Amino acid sequence: MDGLDFNLADYMKFVLAFIFVLSLIGLATVVARRFGFGLPTTARNSADRRLGIVETLNVDGKRRLLLIRRDDTEHLLMLSPTRELLIEGTITPPQNAFSKALHEAARATSTAPEPQGPPLPKPADTTPPEDAGMGKKS
């Protein structure tokens, strides 16, 4: 086992090299985020996002239409290599059938339901009388 004979200096070199490589990876991550190559850092989950691309359509080789959503408003943009053009702003997005049905169901269940039919009979008293089954001793 002459090839696997490590001393303390070899272990320290390994640990320092490992720390150096991890710091280079961290530095590359910071630089990438600084120049816009990283993940978005403002919204943590999709429920908190206020801005999104709804749909894109290529008009020709150089131009495309872009429908973006900000809060509850949509905007239609024409993008080209030379300029950006706002075609229509403040578009109210249509609600889909599922969200309409969900809101109607929530509204319907928010009121107390009215009783239907006659009231149910009360259950019979099933407790045995105290002297049932026992003979009287005289």
C-alpha atoms as a PDB file:
ATOM      1  CA  MET A   1       0.000   0.000   0.000  1.00  0.00           C
ATOM      2  CA  ASP A   2       2.757   2.398  -0.871  1.00  0.00           C
ATOM      3  CA  GLY A   3       0.559   4.291  -3.375  1.00  0.00           C
ATOM      4  CA  LEU A   4      -2.102   5.154  -0.769  1.00  0.00           C
ATOM      5  CA  ASP A   5       0.241   6.531   1.862  1.00  0.00           C
ATOM      6  CA  PHE A   6      -1.154  10.015   2.676  1.00  0.00           C
ATOM      7  CA  ASN A   7       0.163  12.352   5.294  1.00  0.00           C
ATOM      8  CA  LEU A   8      -1.399  15.456   6.823  1.00  0.00           C
ATOM      9  CA  ALA A   9       0.005  17.784   4.158  1.00  0.00           C
ATOM     10  CA  ASP A  10      -1.724  15.795   1.395  1.00  0.00           C
ATOM     11  CA  TYR A  11      -5.066  15.991   3.209  1.00  0.00           C
ATOM     12  CA  MET A  12      -4.670  19.750   3.687  1.00  0.00           C
ATOM     13  CA  LYS A  13      -3.899  20.208  -0.022  1.00  0.00           C
ATOM     14  CA  PHE A  14      -7.047  18.261  -0.899  1.00  0.00           C
ATOM     15  CA  VAL A  15      -9.240  20.313   1.459  1.00  0.00           C
ATOM     16  CA  LEU A  16      -7.801  23.631   0.238  1.00  0.00           C
ATOM     17  CA  ALA A  17      -8.241  22.633  -3.410  1.00  0.00           C
ATOM     18  CA  PHE A  18     -11.852  21.620  -2.695  1.00  0.00           C
ATOM     19  CA  ILE A  19     -12.577  24.961  -1.002  1.00  0.00           C
ATOM     20  CA  PHE A  20     -10.927  26.795  -3.920  1.00  0.00           C
ATOM     21  CA  VAL A  21     -13.103  24.980  -6.488  1.00  0.00           C
ATOM     22  CA  LEU A  22     -16.290  25.677  -4.493  1.00  0.00           C
ATOM     23  CA  SER A  23     -15.384  29.372  -4.240  1.00  0.00           C
ATOM     24  CA  LEU A  24     -14.812  29.521  -8.018  1.00  0.00           C
ATOM     25  CA  ILE A  25     -18.263  28.004  -8.590  1.00  0.00           C
ATOM     26  CA  GLY A  26     -19.808  30.563  -6.217  1.00  0.00           C
ATOM     27  CA  LEU A  27     -17.985  33.424  -7.943  1.00  0.00           C
ATOM     28  CA  ALA A  28     -19.186  32.226 -11.357  1.00  0.00           C
ATOM     29  CA  THR A  29     -22.765  32.114 -10.015  1.00  0.00           C
ATOM     30  CA  VAL A  30     -22.557  35.685  -8.695  1.00  0.00           C
ATOM     31  CA  VAL A  31     -21.114  36.958 -11.986  1.00  0.00           C
ATOM     32  CA  ALA A  32     -23.780  35.113 -14.000  1.00  0.00           C
ATOM     33  CA  ARG A  33     -26.598  36.611 -11.919  1.00  0.00           C
ATOM     34  CA  ARG A  34     -25.022  40.057 -12.125  1.00  0.00           C
ATOM     35  CA  PHE A  35     -25.082  39.970 -15.922  1.00  0.00           C
ATOM     36  CA  GLY A  36     -28.573  38.477 -16.150  1.00  0.00           C
ATOM     37  CA  PHE A  37     -27.788  34.823 -16.783  1.00  0.00           C
ATOM     38  CA  GLY A  38     -29.234  33.597 -13.486  1.00  0.00           C
ATOM     39  CA  LEU A  39     -32.706  32.778 -12.274  1.00  0.00           C
ATOM     40  CA  PRO A  40     -35.180  35.552 -11.430  1.00  0.00           C
ATOM     41  CA  THR A  41     -34.699  36.709  -7.870  1.00  0.00           C
ATOM     42  CA  THR A  42     -37.761  38.914  -7.283  1.00  0.00           C
ATOM     43  CA  ALA A  43     -40.626  36.403  -7.222  1.00  0.00           C
ATOM     44  CA  ARG A  44     -40.076  33.200  -5.294  1.00  0.00           C
ATOM     45  CA  ASN A  45     -43.122  31.267  -6.503  1.00  0.00           C
ATOM     46  CA  SER A  46     -45.571  31.620  -9.344  1.00  0.00           C
ATOM     47  CA  ALA A  47     -48.339  33.038  -7.147  1.00  0.00           C
ATOM     48  CA  ASP A  48     -46.219  36.100  -6.299  1.00  0.00           C
ATOM     49  CA  ARG A  49     -45.249  36.934  -9.883  1.00  0.00           C
ATOM     50  CA  ARG A  50     -46.760  40.081 -11.316  1.00  0.00           C
ATOM     51  CA  LEU A  51     -45.252  39.933 -14.802  1.00  0.00           C
ATOM     52  CA  GLY A  52     -45.466  37.172 -17.385  1.00  0.00           C
ATOM     53  CA  ILE A  53     -45.503  36.384 -21.080  1.00  0.00           C
ATOM     54  CA  VAL A  54     -48.925  35.070 -22.082  1.00  0.00           C
ATOM     55  CA  GLU A  55     -48.311  34.339 -25.759  1.00  0.00           C
ATOM     56  CA  THR A  56     -45.864  35.046 -28.595  1.00  0.00           C
ATOM     57  CA  LEU A  57     -46.456  34.923 -32.343  1.00  0.00           C
ATOM     58  CA  ASN A  58     -43.839  35.249 -35.091  1.00  0.00           C
ATOM     59  CA  VAL A  59     -45.157  37.658 -37.726  1.00  0.00           C
ATOM     60  CA  ASP A  60     -42.202  37.218 -40.078  1.00  0.00           C
ATOM     61  CA  GLY A  61     -38.477  36.565 -39.819  1.00  0.00           C
ATOM     62  CA  LYS A  62     -37.760  39.826 -38.023  1.00  0.00           C
ATOM     63  CA  ARG A  63     -40.943  40.794 -36.177  1.00  0.00           C
ATOM     64  CA  ARG A  64     -43.049  39.111 -33.548  1.00  0.00           C
ATOM     65  CA  LEU A  65     -46.108  39.917 -31.484  1.00  0.00           C
ATOM     66  CA  LEU A  66     -45.850  39.562 -27.741  1.00  0.00           C
ATOM     67  CA  LEU A  67     -48.772  39.497 -25.310  1.00  0.00           C
ATOM     68  CA  ILE A  68     -47.579  40.240 -21.782  1.00  0.00           C
ATOM     69  CA  ARG A  69     -49.527  40.282 -18.516  1.00  0.00           C
ATOM     70  CA  ARG A  70     -48.831  42.662 -15.642  1.00  0.00           C
ATOM     71  CA  ASP A  71     -51.038  42.218 -12.579  1.00  0.00           C
ATOM     72  CA  ASP A  72     -54.499  41.774 -14.171  1.00  0.00           C
ATOM     73  CA  THR A  73     -53.819  43.751 -17.355  1.00  0.00           C
ATOM     74  CA  GLU A  74     -52.467  42.543 -20.695  1.00  0.00           C
ATOM     75  CA  HIS A  75     -50.463  44.534 -23.265  1.00  0.00           C
ATOM     76  CA  LEU A  76     -49.852  43.667 -26.944  1.00  0.00           C
ATOM     77  CA  LEU A  77     -46.382  44.584 -28.244  1.00  0.00           C
ATOM     78  CA  MET A  78     -44.718  44.327 -31.667  1.00  0.00           C
ATOM     79  CA  LEU A  79     -40.997  43.610 -31.348  1.00  0.00           C
ATOM     80  CA  SER A  80     -38.522  44.099 -34.186  1.00  0.00           C
ATOM     81  CA  PRO A  81     -34.740  44.533 -34.358  1.00  0.00           C
ATOM     82  CA  THR A  82     -35.077  48.300 -34.775  1.00  0.00           C
ATOM     83  CA  ARG A  83     -37.904  49.230 -32.375  1.00  0.00           C
ATOM     84  CA  GLU A  84     -40.684  48.127 -30.041  1.00  0.00           C
ATOM     85  CA  LEU A  85     -44.258  49.220 -30.658  1.00  0.00           C
ATOM     86  CA  LEU A  86     -47.172  49.138 -28.207  1.00  0.00           C
ATOM     87  CA  ILE A  87     -50.136  48.048 -30.316  1.00  0.00           C
ATOM     88  CA  GLU A  88     -52.738  47.857 -27.575  1.00  0.00           C
ATOM     89  CA  GLY A  89     -52.476  48.505 -23.867  1.00  0.00           C
ATOM     90  CA  THR A  90     -54.707  47.843 -20.867  1.00  0.00           C
ATOM     91  CA  ILE A  91     -56.421  44.769 -22.276  1.00  0.00           C
ATOM     92  CA  THR A  92     -58.609  43.021 -19.726  1.00  0.00           C
ATOM     93  CA  PRO A  93     -57.885  39.301 -19.981  1.00  0.00           C
ATOM     94  CA  PRO A  94     -60.916  37.028 -20.443  1.00  0.00           C
ATOM     95  CA  GLN A  95     -61.757  34.730 -17.579  1.00  0.00           C
ATOM     96  CA  ASN A  96     -61.867  31.103 -18.544  1.00  0.00           C
ATOM     97  CA  ALA A  97     -64.874  28.885 -17.914  1.00  0.00           C
ATOM     98  CA  PHE A  98     -63.211  27.087 -15.008  1.00  0.00           C
ATOM     99  CA  SER A  99     -62.611  30.241 -12.977  1.00  0.00           C
ATOM    100  CA  LYS A 100     -66.165  31.442 -13.693  1.00  0.00           C
ATOM    101  CA  ALA A 101     -67.616  28.130 -12.496  1.00  0.00           C
ATOM    102  CA  LEU A 102     -65.367  28.215  -9.442  1.00  0.00           C
ATOM    103  CA  HIS A 103     -66.532  31.714  -8.481  1.00  0.00           C
ATOM    104  CA  GLU A 104     -70.196  30.791  -9.016  1.00  0.00           C
ATOM    105  CA  ALA A 105     -69.825  27.658  -6.879  1.00  0.00           C
ATOM    106  CA  ALA A 106     -68.128  29.650  -4.127  1.00  0.00           C
ATOM    107  CA  ARG A 107     -70.892  32.245  -4.234  1.00  0.00           C
ATOM    108  CA  ALA A 108     -73.603  29.542  -4.117  1.00  0.00           C
ATOM    109  CA  THR A 109     -72.082  27.771  -1.105  1.00  0.00           C
ATOM    110  CA  SER A 110     -71.517  30.984   0.845  1.00  0.00           C
ATOM    111  CA  THR A 111     -75.236  31.181   1.704  1.00  0.00           C
ATOM    112  CA  ALA A 112     -76.756  28.673   4.116  1.00  0.00           C
ATOM    113  CA  PRO A 113     -78.770  25.975   2.341  1.00  0.00           C
ATOM    114  CA  GLU A 114     -82.491  25.864   3.026  1.00  0.00           C
ATOM    115  CA  PRO A 115     -83.827  22.646   4.605  1.00  0.00           C
ATOM    116  CA  GLN A 116     -85.586  20.370   2.157  1.00  0.00           C
ATOM    117  CA  GLY A 117     -88.505  18.094   3.053  1.00  0.00           C
ATOM    118  CA  PRO A 118     -90.042  17.364   6.449  1.00  0.00           C
ATOM    119  CA  PRO A 119     -87.786  17.195   9.510  1.00  0.00           C
ATOM    120  CA  LEU A 120     -86.424  13.808  10.497  1.00  0.00           C
ATOM    121  CA  PRO A 121     -88.156  11.997  13.409  1.00  0.00           C
ATOM    122  CA  LYS A 122     -86.404  11.943  16.750  1.00  0.00           C
ATOM    123  CA  PRO A 123     -84.759   8.637  17.663  1.00  0.00           C
ATOM    124  CA  ALA A 124     -86.687   6.367  20.024  1.00  0.00           C
ATOM    125  CA  ASP A 125     -85.559   6.083  23.626  1.00  0.00           C
ATOM    126  CA  THR A 126     -83.730   2.749  23.861  1.00  0.00           C
ATOM    127  CA  THR A 127     -82.744   2.847  27.512  1.00  0.00           C
ATOM    128  CA  PRO A 128     -84.288  -0.082  29.423  1.00  0.00           C
ATOM    129  CA  PRO A 129     -86.504   0.656  32.413  1.00  0.00           C
ATOM    130  CA  GLU A 130     -84.756   0.236  35.716  1.00  0.00           C
ATOM    131  CA  ASP A 131     -86.839  -2.715  36.924  1.00  0.00           C
ATOM    132  CA  ALA A 132     -87.110  -4.493  33.548  1.00  0.00           C
ATOM    133  CA  GLY A 133     -85.946  -8.093  33.687  1.00  0.00           C
ATOM    134  CA  MET A 134     -85.576  -8.141  37.431  1.00  0.00           C
ATOM    135  CA  GLY A 135     -88.162  -9.764  39.573  1.00  0.00           C
ATOM    136  CA  LYS A 136     -89.460  -7.891  42.580  1.00  0.00           C
ATOM    137  CA  LYS A 137     -88.421  -9.425  45.790  1.00  0.00           C
ATOM    138  CA  SER A 138     -90.987  -9.228  48.467  1.00  0.00           C
END
